[in-house]
Full PDB file with SEQRES, HELIX, SHEET, SSBOND, CRYST1, ORIGX, SCALE, CONECT and MASTER records, all heavy atoms in Angstrom:
SEQRES   1 A   47  ALA LYS SER LEU VAL GLU LEU PRO SER PRO TYR ALA GLY          
SEQRES   2 A   47  VAL VAL GLY GLU LEU LEU ALA ALA GLU GLY THR THR VAL          
SEQRES   3 A   47  GLU VAL GLY THR PRO ILE ILE THR PHE LEU THR GLU PRO          
SEQRES   4 A   47  ALA ALA GLY ALA PRO ALA ALA PRO                              
SHEET    1 AA1 2 VAL A  14  LEU A  18  0                                        
SHEET    2 AA1 2 ILE A  33  LEU A  36 -1                                        
CRYST1    1.000    1.000    1.000  90.00  90.00  90.00 P 1           1          
ORIGX1      1.000000  0.000000  0.000000        0.00000                         
ORIGX2      0.000000  1.000000  0.000000        0.00000                         
ORIGX3      0.000000  0.000000  1.000000        0.00000                         
SCALE1      1.000000  0.000000  0.000000        0.00000                         
SCALE2      0.000000  1.000000  0.000000        0.00000                         
SCALE3      0.000000  0.000000  1.000000        0.00000                         
ATOM      1  N   ALA A   1      58.312 -32.187  59.215  1.00  0.00           N  
ATOM      2  CA  ALA A   1      58.535 -32.849  57.927  1.00  0.00           C  
ATOM      3  C   ALA A   1      58.831 -31.852  56.825  1.00  0.00           C  
ATOM      4  O   ALA A   1      59.196 -32.249  55.725  1.00  0.00           O  
ATOM      5  CB  ALA A   1      57.301 -33.675  57.551  1.00  0.00           C  
ATOM      6  N   LYS A   2      58.685 -30.546  57.118  1.00  0.00           N  
ATOM      7  CA  LYS A   2      58.863 -29.562  56.056  1.00  0.00           C  
ATOM      8  C   LYS A   2      59.939 -28.531  56.324  1.00  0.00           C  
ATOM      9  O   LYS A   2      60.523 -27.995  55.387  1.00  0.00           O  
ATOM     10  CB  LYS A   2      57.533 -28.838  55.778  1.00  0.00           C  
ATOM     11  CG  LYS A   2      56.464 -29.760  55.218  1.00  0.00           C  
ATOM     12  CD  LYS A   2      55.225 -29.001  54.813  1.00  0.00           C  
ATOM     13  CE  LYS A   2      54.197 -29.928  54.174  1.00  0.00           C  
ATOM     14  NZ  LYS A   2      52.982 -29.221  53.747  1.00  0.00           N  
ATOM     15  N   SER A   3      60.195 -28.200  57.561  1.00  0.00           N  
ATOM     16  CA  SER A   3      61.161 -27.134  57.801  1.00  0.00           C  
ATOM     17  C   SER A   3      61.620 -27.107  59.241  1.00  0.00           C  
ATOM     18  O   SER A   3      61.077 -27.787  60.108  1.00  0.00           O  
ATOM     19  CB  SER A   3      60.535 -25.773  57.448  1.00  0.00           C  
ATOM     20  OG  SER A   3      59.436 -25.522  58.305  1.00  0.00           O  
ATOM     21  N   LEU A   4      62.656 -26.277  59.491  1.00  0.00           N  
ATOM     22  CA  LEU A   4      63.079 -25.975  60.848  1.00  0.00           C  
ATOM     23  C   LEU A   4      62.259 -24.794  61.346  1.00  0.00           C  
ATOM     24  O   LEU A   4      62.052 -23.822  60.628  1.00  0.00           O  
ATOM     25  CB  LEU A   4      64.563 -25.604  60.872  1.00  0.00           C  
ATOM     26  CG  LEU A   4      65.567 -26.739  60.684  1.00  0.00           C  
ATOM     27  CD1 LEU A   4      66.975 -26.180  60.667  1.00  0.00           C  
ATOM     28  CD2 LEU A   4      65.440 -27.760  61.800  1.00  0.00           C  
ATOM     29  N   VAL A   5      61.787 -24.885  62.571  1.00  0.00           N  
ATOM     30  CA  VAL A   5      60.952 -23.836  63.145  1.00  0.00           C  
ATOM     31  C   VAL A   5      61.467 -23.476  64.524  1.00  0.00           C  
ATOM     32  O   VAL A   5      61.781 -24.361  65.327  1.00  0.00           O  
ATOM     33  CB  VAL A   5      59.471 -24.291  63.246  1.00  0.00           C  
ATOM     34  CG1 VAL A   5      58.624 -23.209  63.897  1.00  0.00           C  
ATOM     35  CG2 VAL A   5      58.917 -24.639  61.874  1.00  0.00           C  
ATOM     36  N   GLU A   6      61.604 -22.182  64.786  1.00  0.00           N  
ATOM     37  CA  GLU A   6      61.990 -21.721  66.117  1.00  0.00           C  
ATOM     38  C   GLU A   6      60.727 -21.515  66.952  1.00  0.00           C  
ATOM     39  O   GLU A   6      59.792 -20.841  66.525  1.00  0.00           O  
ATOM     40  CB  GLU A   6      62.768 -20.409  66.019  1.00  0.00           C  
ATOM     41  CG  GLU A   6      64.124 -20.557  65.357  1.00  0.00           C  
ATOM     42  CD  GLU A   6      64.865 -19.237  65.270  1.00  0.00           C  
ATOM     43  OE1 GLU A   6      64.194 -18.179  65.285  1.00  0.00           O  
ATOM     44  OE2 GLU A   6      66.112 -19.247  65.204  1.00  0.00           O  
ATOM     45  N   LEU A   7      60.691 -22.112  68.141  1.00  0.00           N  
ATOM     46  CA  LEU A   7      59.534 -21.974  69.022  1.00  0.00           C  
ATOM     47  C   LEU A   7      59.784 -20.853  70.025  1.00  0.00           C  
ATOM     48  O   LEU A   7      60.776 -20.875  70.756  1.00  0.00           O  
ATOM     49  CB  LEU A   7      59.277 -23.279  69.777  1.00  0.00           C  
ATOM     50  CG  LEU A   7      58.784 -24.475  68.977  1.00  0.00           C  
ATOM     51  CD1 LEU A   7      58.435 -25.620  69.921  1.00  0.00           C  
ATOM     52  CD2 LEU A   7      57.579 -24.111  68.136  1.00  0.00           C  
ATOM     53  N   PRO A   8      58.883 -19.868  70.069  1.00  0.00           N  
ATOM     54  CA  PRO A   8      59.024 -18.787  71.040  1.00  0.00           C  
ATOM     55  C   PRO A   8      58.413 -19.169  72.384  1.00  0.00           C  
ATOM     56  O   PRO A   8      57.495 -19.995  72.452  1.00  0.00           O  
ATOM     57  CB  PRO A   8      58.235 -17.645  70.395  1.00  0.00           C  
ATOM     58  CG  PRO A   8      57.160 -18.342  69.617  1.00  0.00           C  
ATOM     59  CD  PRO A   8      57.784 -19.625  69.118  1.00  0.00           C  
ATOM     60  N   SER A   9      58.922 -18.571  73.436  1.00  0.00           N  
ATOM     61  CA  SER A   9      58.385 -18.843  74.766  1.00  0.00           C  
ATOM     62  C   SER A   9      56.999 -18.217  74.911  1.00  0.00           C  
ATOM     63  O   SER A   9      56.807 -17.047  74.573  1.00  0.00           O  
ATOM     64  CB  SER A   9      59.310 -18.264  75.841  1.00  0.00           C  
ATOM     65  OG  SER A   9      58.690 -18.343  77.110  1.00  0.00           O  
ATOM     66  N   PRO A  10      56.039 -18.973  75.434  1.00  0.00           N  
ATOM     67  CA  PRO A  10      54.711 -18.403  75.667  1.00  0.00           C  
ATOM     68  C   PRO A  10      54.612 -17.724  77.034  1.00  0.00           C  
ATOM     69  O   PRO A  10      53.568 -17.194  77.385  1.00  0.00           O  
ATOM     70  CB  PRO A  10      53.803 -19.631  75.587  1.00  0.00           C  
ATOM     71  CG  PRO A  10      54.653 -20.727  76.120  1.00  0.00           C  
ATOM     72  CD  PRO A  10      56.070 -20.420  75.700  1.00  0.00           C  
ATOM     73  N   TYR A  11      55.672 -17.804  77.831  1.00  0.00           N  
ATOM     74  CA  TYR A  11      55.651 -17.272  79.190  1.00  0.00           C  
ATOM     75  C   TYR A  11      56.867 -16.391  79.441  1.00  0.00           C  
ATOM     76  O   TYR A  11      57.911 -16.545  78.803  1.00  0.00           O  
ATOM     77  CB  TYR A  11      55.659 -18.396  80.235  1.00  0.00           C  
ATOM     78  CG  TYR A  11      54.479 -19.326  80.169  1.00  0.00           C  
ATOM     79  CD1 TYR A  11      54.603 -20.566  79.540  1.00  0.00           C  
ATOM     80  CD2 TYR A  11      53.260 -18.980  80.737  1.00  0.00           C  
ATOM     81  CE1 TYR A  11      53.515 -21.438  79.484  1.00  0.00           C  
ATOM     82  CE2 TYR A  11      52.179 -19.842  80.678  1.00  0.00           C  
ATOM     83  CZ  TYR A  11      52.306 -21.063  80.046  1.00  0.00           C  
ATOM     84  OH  TYR A  11      51.241 -21.915  79.983  1.00  0.00           O  
ATOM     85  N   ALA A  12      56.723 -15.506  80.389  1.00  0.00           N  
ATOM     86  CA  ALA A  12      57.850 -14.761  80.943  1.00  0.00           C  
ATOM     87  C   ALA A  12      58.140 -15.359  82.315  1.00  0.00           C  
ATOM     88  O   ALA A  12      57.234 -15.506  83.137  1.00  0.00           O  
ATOM     89  CB  ALA A  12      57.511 -13.283  81.063  1.00  0.00           C  
ATOM     90  N   GLY A  13      59.387 -15.729  82.545  1.00  0.00           N  
ATOM     91  CA  GLY A  13      59.722 -16.353  83.820  1.00  0.00           C  
ATOM     92  C   GLY A  13      61.062 -17.044  83.763  1.00  0.00           C  
ATOM     93  O   GLY A  13      61.953 -16.651  83.007  1.00  0.00           O  
ATOM     94  N   VAL A  14      61.198 -18.109  84.537  1.00  0.00           N  
ATOM     95  CA  VAL A  14      62.452 -18.862  84.626  1.00  0.00           C  
ATOM     96  C   VAL A  14      62.227 -20.267  84.081  1.00  0.00           C  
ATOM     97  O   VAL A  14      61.206 -20.904  84.378  1.00  0.00           O  
ATOM     98  CB  VAL A  14      62.949 -18.934  86.087  1.00  0.00           C  
ATOM     99  CG1 VAL A  14      64.207 -19.786  86.188  1.00  0.00           C  
ATOM    100  CG2 VAL A  14      63.207 -17.532  86.631  1.00  0.00           C  
ATOM    101  N   VAL A  15      63.167 -20.751  83.270  1.00  0.00           N  
ATOM    102  CA  VAL A  15      63.069 -22.101  82.727  1.00  0.00           C  
ATOM    103  C   VAL A  15      63.211 -23.104  83.864  1.00  0.00           C  
ATOM    104  O   VAL A  15      64.162 -23.040  84.653  1.00  0.00           O  
ATOM    105  CB  VAL A  15      64.160 -22.347  81.672  1.00  0.00           C  
ATOM    106  CG1 VAL A  15      64.133 -23.799  81.193  1.00  0.00           C  
ATOM    107  CG2 VAL A  15      63.984 -21.397  80.494  1.00  0.00           C  
ATOM    108  N   GLY A  16      62.243 -24.022  83.946  1.00  0.00           N  
ATOM    109  CA  GLY A  16      62.291 -25.045  84.980  1.00  0.00           C  
ATOM    110  C   GLY A  16      63.007 -26.291  84.506  1.00  0.00           C  
ATOM    111  O   GLY A  16      64.181 -26.498  84.783  1.00  0.00           O  
ATOM    112  N   GLU A  17      62.320 -27.105  83.716  1.00  0.00           N  
ATOM    113  CA  GLU A  17      62.873 -28.388  83.288  1.00  0.00           C  
ATOM    114  C   GLU A  17      62.661 -28.584  81.798  1.00  0.00           C  
ATOM    115  O   GLU A  17      61.613 -28.222  81.243  1.00  0.00           O  
ATOM    116  CB  GLU A  17      62.181 -29.528  84.056  1.00  0.00           C  
ATOM    117  CG  GLU A  17      62.721 -30.910  83.745  1.00  0.00           C  
ATOM    118  CD  GLU A  17      61.985 -31.998  84.523  1.00  0.00           C  
ATOM    119  OE1 GLU A  17      61.062 -31.653  85.297  1.00  0.00           O  
ATOM    120  OE2 GLU A  17      62.332 -33.174  84.338  1.00  0.00           O  
ATOM    121  N   LEU A  18      63.661 -29.147  81.117  1.00  0.00           N  
ATOM    122  CA  LEU A  18      63.526 -29.540  79.715  1.00  0.00           C  
ATOM    123  C   LEU A  18      63.027 -30.980  79.693  1.00  0.00           C  
ATOM    124  O   LEU A  18      63.702 -31.878  80.172  1.00  0.00           O  
ATOM    125  CB  LEU A  18      64.875 -29.428  78.990  1.00  0.00           C  
ATOM    126  CG  LEU A  18      65.589 -28.072  79.070  1.00  0.00           C  
ATOM    127  CD1 LEU A  18      66.874 -28.102  78.239  1.00  0.00           C  
ATOM    128  CD2 LEU A  18      64.679 -26.944  78.628  1.00  0.00           C  
ATOM    129  N   LEU A  19      61.835 -31.192  79.137  1.00  0.00           N  
ATOM    130  CA  LEU A  19      61.172 -32.491  79.241  1.00  0.00           C  
ATOM    131  C   LEU A  19      61.447 -33.404  78.048  1.00  0.00           C  
ATOM    132  O   LEU A  19      61.014 -34.560  78.055  1.00  0.00           O  
ATOM    133  CB  LEU A  19      59.661 -32.281  79.385  1.00  0.00           C  
ATOM    134  CG  LEU A  19      59.221 -31.410  80.571  1.00  0.00           C  
ATOM    135  CD1 LEU A  19      57.713 -31.209  80.561  1.00  0.00           C  
ATOM    136  CD2 LEU A  19      59.680 -32.031  81.880  1.00  0.00           C  
ATOM    137  N   ALA A  20      62.118 -32.904  77.028  1.00  0.00           N  
ATOM    138  CA  ALA A  20      62.430 -33.732  75.854  1.00  0.00           C  
ATOM    139  C   ALA A  20      63.870 -33.494  75.453  1.00  0.00           C  
ATOM    140  O   ALA A  20      64.310 -32.345  75.353  1.00  0.00           O  
ATOM    141  CB  ALA A  20      61.487 -33.405  74.695  1.00  0.00           C  
ATOM    142  N   ALA A  21      64.606 -34.546  75.225  1.00  0.00           N  
ATOM    143  CA  ALA A  21      66.014 -34.422  74.869  1.00  0.00           C  
ATOM    144  C   ALA A  21      66.169 -34.070  73.394  1.00  0.00           C  
ATOM    145  O   ALA A  21      65.291 -34.362  72.567  1.00  0.00           O  
ATOM    146  CB  ALA A  21      66.749 -35.731  75.162  1.00  0.00           C  
ATOM    147  N   GLU A  22      67.281 -33.416  73.056  1.00  0.00           N  
ATOM    148  CA  GLU A  22      67.573 -33.120  71.657  1.00  0.00           C  
ATOM    149  C   GLU A  22      67.677 -34.424  70.865  1.00  0.00           C  
ATOM    150  O   GLU A  22      68.217 -35.410  71.335  1.00  0.00           O  
ATOM    151  CB  GLU A  22      68.876 -32.332  71.545  1.00  0.00           C  
ATOM    152  CG  GLU A  22      68.795 -30.929  72.118  1.00  0.00           C  
ATOM    153  CD  GLU A  22      70.104 -30.167  71.968  1.00  0.00           C  
ATOM    154  OE1 GLU A  22      71.103 -30.787  71.522  1.00  0.00           O  
ATOM    155  OE2 GLU A  22      70.140 -28.960  72.283  1.00  0.00           O  
ATOM    156  N   GLY A  23      67.103 -34.406  69.667  1.00  0.00           N  
ATOM    157  CA  GLY A  23      67.150 -35.594  68.818  1.00  0.00           C  
ATOM    158  C   GLY A  23      65.959 -36.513  68.967  1.00  0.00           C  
ATOM    159  O   GLY A  23      65.826 -37.467  68.212  1.00  0.00           O  
ATOM    160  N   THR A  24      65.085 -36.227  69.934  1.00  0.00           N  
ATOM    161  CA  THR A  24      63.900 -37.065  70.123  1.00  0.00           C  
ATOM    162  C   THR A  24      62.715 -36.491  69.360  1.00  0.00           C  
ATOM    163  O   THR A  24      62.602 -35.281  69.174  1.00  0.00           O  
ATOM    164  CB  THR A  24      63.531 -37.197  71.611  1.00  0.00           C  
ATOM    165  OG1 THR A  24      63.260 -35.884  72.140  1.00  0.00           O  
ATOM    166  CG2 THR A  24      64.657 -37.834  72.390  1.00  0.00           C  
ATOM    167  N   THR A  25      61.834 -37.355  68.920  1.00  0.00           N  
ATOM    168  CA  THR A  25      60.615 -36.958  68.214  1.00  0.00           C  
ATOM    169  C   THR A  25      59.440 -37.045  69.178  1.00  0.00           C  
ATOM    170  O   THR A  25      59.247 -38.074  69.832  1.00  0.00           O  
ATOM    171  CB  THR A  25      60.368 -37.867  66.997  1.00  0.00           C  
ATOM    172  OG1 THR A  25      61.465 -37.743  66.082  1.00  0.00           O  
ATOM    173  CG2 THR A  25      59.081 -37.471  66.281  1.00  0.00           C  
ATOM    174  N   VAL A  26      58.689 -35.948  69.266  1.00  0.00           N  
ATOM    175  CA  VAL A  26      57.551 -35.898  70.185  1.00  0.00           C  
ATOM    176  C   VAL A  26      56.291 -35.533  69.427  1.00  0.00           C  
ATOM    177  O   VAL A  26      56.335 -34.889  68.375  1.00  0.00           O  
ATOM    178  CB  VAL A  26      57.802 -34.884  71.327  1.00  0.00           C  
ATOM    179  CG1 VAL A  26      58.973 -35.300  72.174  1.00  0.00           C  
ATOM    180  CG2 VAL A  26      58.031 -33.485  70.770  1.00  0.00           C  
ATOM    181  N   GLU A  27      55.160 -35.944  69.961  1.00  0.00           N  
ATOM    182  CA  GLU A  27      53.878 -35.667  69.331  1.00  0.00           C  
ATOM    183  C   GLU A  27      53.367 -34.289  69.732  1.00  0.00           C  
ATOM    184  O   GLU A  27      53.677 -33.788  70.817  1.00  0.00           O  
ATOM    185  CB  GLU A  27      52.853 -36.738  69.723  1.00  0.00           C  
ATOM    186  CG  GLU A  27      53.196 -38.128  69.213  1.00  0.00           C  
ATOM    187  CD  GLU A  27      52.104 -39.136  69.556  1.00  0.00           C  
ATOM    188  OE1 GLU A  27      51.154 -38.756  70.275  1.00  0.00           O  
ATOM    189  OE2 GLU A  27      52.201 -40.287  69.112  1.00  0.00           O  
ATOM    190  N   VAL A  28      52.598 -33.689  68.839  1.00  0.00           N  
ATOM    191  CA  VAL A  28      51.974 -32.407  69.138  1.00  0.00           C  
ATOM    192  C   VAL A  28      51.099 -32.557  70.386  1.00  0.00           C  
ATOM    193  O   VAL A  28      50.360 -33.534  70.527  1.00  0.00           O  
ATOM    194  CB  VAL A  28      51.112 -31.930  67.941  1.00  0.00           C  
ATOM    195  CG1 VAL A  28      50.231 -30.754  68.339  1.00  0.00           C  
ATOM    196  CG2 VAL A  28      52.004 -31.551  66.767  1.00  0.00           C  
ATOM    197  N   GLY A  29      51.206 -31.595  71.297  1.00  0.00           N  
ATOM    198  CA  GLY A  29      50.445 -31.638  72.533  1.00  0.00           C  
ATOM    199  C   GLY A  29      51.212 -32.230  73.704  1.00  0.00           C  
ATOM    200  O   GLY A  29      50.718 -32.237  74.828  1.00  0.00           O  
ATOM    201  N   THR A  30      52.434 -32.723  73.447  1.00  0.00           N  
ATOM    202  CA  THR A  30      53.259 -33.298  74.511  1.00  0.00           C  
ATOM    203  C   THR A  30      54.034 -32.192  75.231  1.00  0.00           C  
ATOM    204  O   THR A  30      54.656 -31.353  74.575  1.00  0.00           O  
ATOM    205  CB  THR A  30      54.268 -34.308  73.932  1.00  0.00           C  
ATOM    206  OG1 THR A  30      53.553 -35.342  73.249  1.00  0.00           O  
ATOM    207  CG2 THR A  30      55.118 -34.913  75.028  1.00  0.00           C  
ATOM    208  N   PRO A  31      54.030 -32.151  76.563  1.00  0.00           N  
ATOM    209  CA  PRO A  31      54.823 -31.145  77.280  1.00  0.00           C  
ATOM    210  C   PRO A  31      56.300 -31.308  76.962  1.00  0.00           C  
ATOM    211  O   PRO A  31      56.841 -32.412  77.002  1.00  0.00           O  
ATOM    212  CB  PRO A  31      54.532 -31.449  78.750  1.00  0.00           C  
ATOM    213  CG  PRO A  31      53.212 -32.153  78.743  1.00  0.00           C  
ATOM    214  CD  PRO A  31      53.215 -32.978  77.492  1.00  0.00           C  
ATOM    215  N   ILE A  32      56.972 -30.180  76.646  1.00  0.00           N  
ATOM    216  CA  ILE A  32      58.389 -30.255  76.305  1.00  0.00           C  
ATOM    217  C   ILE A  32      59.262 -29.405  77.230  1.00  0.00           C  
ATOM    218  O   ILE A  32      60.471 -29.608  77.288  1.00  0.00           O  
ATOM    219  CB  ILE A  32      58.639 -29.831  74.846  1.00  0.00           C  
ATOM    220  CG1 ILE A  32      58.134 -28.398  74.596  1.00  0.00           C  
ATOM    221  CG2 ILE A  32      57.996 -30.816  73.886  1.00  0.00           C  
ATOM    222  CD1 ILE A  32      58.487 -27.876  73.205  1.00  0.00           C  
ATOM    223  N   ILE A  33      58.663 -28.466  77.961  1.00  0.00           N  
ATOM    224  CA  ILE A  33      59.446 -27.604  78.840  1.00  0.00           C  
ATOM    225  C   ILE A  33      58.523 -27.012  79.901  1.00  0.00           C  
ATOM    226  O   ILE A  33      57.317 -26.834  79.659  1.00  0.00           O  
ATOM    227  CB  ILE A  33      60.125 -26.465  78.029  1.00  0.00           C  
ATOM    228  CG1 ILE A  33      61.062 -25.635  78.911  1.00  0.00           C  
ATOM    229  CG2 ILE A  33      59.100 -25.611  77.331  1.00  0.00           C  
ATOM    230  CD1 ILE A  33      61.855 -24.585  78.127  1.00  0.00           C  
ATOM    231  N   THR A  34      59.070 -26.744  81.085  1.00  0.00           N  
ATOM    232  CA  THR A  34      58.283 -26.088  82.132  1.00  0.00           C  
ATOM    233  C   THR A  34      58.890 -24.723  82.440  1.00  0.00           C  
ATOM    234  O   THR A  34      60.086 -24.493  82.246  1.00  0.00           O  
ATOM    235  CB  THR A  34      58.250 -26.925  83.420  1.00  0.00           C  
ATOM    236  OG1 THR A  34      59.579 -27.007  83.958  1.00  0.00           O  
ATOM    237  CG2 THR A  34      57.708 -28.318  83.159  1.00  0.00           C  
ATOM    238  N   PHE A  35      58.022 -23.815  82.901  1.00  0.00           N  
ATOM    239  CA  PHE A  35      58.448 -22.473  83.278  1.00  0.00           C  
ATOM    240  C   PHE A  35      57.967 -22.179  84.696  1.00  0.00           C  
ATOM    241  O   PHE A  35      56.873 -22.621  85.103  1.00  0.00           O  
ATOM    242  CB  PHE A  35      57.855 -21.425  82.332  1.00  0.00           C  
ATOM    243  CG  PHE A  35      58.319 -21.541  80.913  1.00  0.00           C  
ATOM    244  CD1 PHE A  35      57.595 -22.289  79.993  1.00  0.00           C  
ATOM    245  CD2 PHE A  35      59.470 -20.903  80.495  1.00  0.00           C  
ATOM    246  CE1 PHE A  35      58.015 -22.400  78.684  1.00  0.00           C  
ATOM    247  CE2 PHE A  35      59.897 -21.009  79.173  1.00  0.00           C  
ATOM    248  CZ  PHE A  35      59.173 -21.755  78.269  1.00  0.00           C  
ATOM    249  N   LEU A  36      58.763 -21.437  85.435  1.00  0.00           N  
ATOM    250  CA  LEU A  36      58.364 -20.930  86.745  1.00  0.00           C  
ATOM    251  C   LEU A  36      57.988 -19.471  86.556  1.00  0.00           C  
ATOM    252  O   LEU A  36      58.819 -18.655  86.139  1.00  0.00           O  
ATOM    253  CB  LEU A  36      59.508 -21.067  87.749  1.00  0.00           C  
ATOM    254  CG  LEU A  36      60.046 -22.492  87.936  1.00  0.00           C  
ATOM    255  CD1 LEU A  36      61.228 -22.478  88.905  1.00  0.00           C  
ATOM    256  CD2 LEU A  36      58.954 -23.419  88.436  1.00  0.00           C  
ATOM    257  N   THR A  37      56.721 -19.144  86.821  1.00  0.00           N  
ATOM    258  CA  THR A  37      56.233 -17.794  86.558  1.00  0.00           C  
ATOM    259  C   THR A  37      55.678 -17.170  87.819  1.00  0.00           C  
ATOM    260  O   THR A  37      55.238 -17.864  88.746  1.00  0.00           O  
ATOM    261  CB  THR A  37      55.137 -17.806  85.480  1.00  0.00           C  
ATOM    262  OG1 THR A  37      54.020 -18.571  85.952  1.00  0.00           O  
ATOM    263  CG2 THR A  37      55.644 -18.425  84.185  1.00  0.00           C  
ATOM    264  N   GLU A  38      55.667 -15.845  87.835  1.00  0.00           N  
ATOM    265  CA  GLU A  38      55.081 -15.089  88.939  1.00  0.00           C  
ATOM    266  C   GLU A  38      53.665 -14.710  88.569  1.00  0.00           C  
ATOM    267  O   GLU A  38      53.421 -14.188  87.479  1.00  0.00           O  
ATOM    268  CB  GLU A  38      55.896 -13.804  89.196  1.00  0.00           C  
ATOM    269  CG  GLU A  38      57.263 -14.051  89.807  1.00  0.00           C  
ATOM    270  CD  GLU A  38      57.168 -14.367  91.297  1.00  0.00           C  
ATOM    271  OE1 GLU A  38      56.053 -14.341  91.842  1.00  0.00           O  
ATOM    272  OE2 GLU A  38      58.219 -14.640  91.900  1.00  0.00           O  
ATOM    273  N   PRO A  39      52.663 -14.956  89.443  1.00  0.00           N  
ATOM    274  CA  PRO A  39      51.291 -14.529  89.155  1.00  0.00           C  
ATOM    275  C   PRO A  39      51.239 -13.013  89.038  1.00  0.00           C  
ATOM    276  O   PRO A  39      51.995 -12.290  89.689  1.00  0.00           O  
ATOM    277  CB  PRO A  39      50.496 -15.021  90.369  1.00  0.00           C  
ATOM    278  CG  PRO A  39      51.358 -16.087  90.975  1.00  0.00           C  
ATOM    279  CD  PRO A  39      52.770 -15.669  90.713  1.00  0.00           C  
ATOM    280  N   ALA A  40      50.353 -12.539  88.152  1.00  0.00           N  
ATOM    281  CA  ALA A  40      50.169 -11.097  88.022  1.00  0.00           C  
ATOM    282  C   ALA A  40      49.627 -10.540  89.331  1.00  0.00           C  
ATOM    283  O   ALA A  40      48.959 -11.226  90.109  1.00  0.00           O  
ATOM    284  CB  ALA A  40      49.208 -10.794  86.869  1.00  0.00           C  
ATOM    285  N   ALA A  41      49.922  -9.258  89.585  1.00  0.00           N  
ATOM    286  CA  ALA A  41      49.499  -8.622  90.842  1.00  0.00           C  
ATOM    287  C   ALA A  41      47.995  -8.761  91.033  1.00  0.00           C  
ATOM    288  O   ALA A  41      47.212  -8.381  90.164  1.00  0.00           O  
ATOM    289  CB  ALA A  41      49.893  -7.151  90.830  1.00  0.00           C  
ATOM    290  N   GLY A  42      47.595  -9.312  92.174  1.00  0.00           N  
ATOM    291  CA  GLY A  42      46.177  -9.462  92.493  1.00  0.00           C  
ATOM    292  C   GLY A  42      45.520 -10.631  91.806  1.00  0.00           C  
ATOM    293  O   GLY A  42      44.328 -10.847  91.949  1.00  0.00           O  
ATOM    294  N   ALA A  43      46.286 -11.407  91.049  1.00  0.00           N  
ATOM    295  CA  ALA A  43      45.707 -12.543  90.336  1.00  0.00           C  
ATOM    296  C   ALA A  43      46.155 -13.834  91.000  1.00  0.00           C  
ATOM    297  O   ALA A  43      47.292 -13.959  91.439  1.00  0.00           O  
ATOM    298  CB  ALA A  43      46.149 -12.538  88.866  1.00  0.00           C  
ATOM    299  N   PRO A  44      45.281 -14.833  91.070  1.00  0.00           N  
ATOM    300  CA  PRO A  44      45.629 -16.075  91.732  1.00  0.00           C  
ATOM    301  C   PRO A  44      46.495 -16.994  90.882  1.00  0.00           C  
ATOM    302  O   PRO A  44      47.073 -17.934  91.377  1.00  0.00           O  
ATOM    303  CB  PRO A  44      44.263 -16.719  92.003  1.00  0.00           C  
ATOM    304  CG  PRO A  44      43.397 -16.203  90.901  1.00  0.00           C  
ATOM    305  CD  PRO A  44      43.868 -14.791  90.649  1.00  0.00           C  
ATOM    306  N   ALA A  45      46.561 -16.773  89.581  1.00  0.00           N  
ATOM    307  CA  ALA A  45      47.286 -17.697  88.713  1.00  0.00           C  
ATOM    308  C   ALA A  45      48.141 -16.910  87.739  1.00  0.00           C  
ATOM    309  O   ALA A  45      47.997 -15.711  87.576  1.00  0.00           O  
ATOM    310  CB  ALA A  45      46.298 -18.588  87.946  1.00  0.00           C  
ATOM    311  N   ALA A  46      49.055 -17.635  87.100  1.00  0.00           N  
ATOM    312  CA  ALA A  46      49.943 -17.006  86.120  1.00  0.00           C  
ATOM    313  C   ALA A  46      49.139 -16.531  84.921  1.00  0.00           C  
ATOM    314  O   ALA A  46      48.068 -17.053  84.630  1.00  0.00           O  
ATOM    315  CB  ALA A  46      50.998 -18.013  85.664  1.00  0.00           C  
ATOM    316  N   PRO A  47      49.655 -15.505  84.221  1.00  0.00           N  
ATOM    317  CA  PRO A  47      48.945 -15.002  83.053  1.00  0.00           C  
ATOM    318  C   PRO A  47      48.824 -16.047  81.963  1.00  0.00           C  
ATOM    319  O   PRO A  47      49.619 -16.979  81.901  1.00  0.00           O  
ATOM    320  CB  PRO A  47      49.811 -13.821  82.597  1.00  0.00           C  
ATOM    321  CG  PRO A  47      51.127 -14.038  83.221  1.00  0.00           C  
ATOM    322  CD  PRO A  47      50.880 -14.782  84.484  1.00  0.00           C  
TER     323      PRO A  47                                                      
MASTER        0    0    0    0    2    0    0    6  322    1    0    4          
END                                                                             
């Protein structure tokens, strides 16, 4: 409601799926994109 904001990626990896189309309004907390990430060495899950 106040400005345009660029969202930075919180992950390093490959873009999986875009979950919201351009022009749609979504609520805070709604998934909007997925990433495919590699787990850190020796770690069971992504960083």
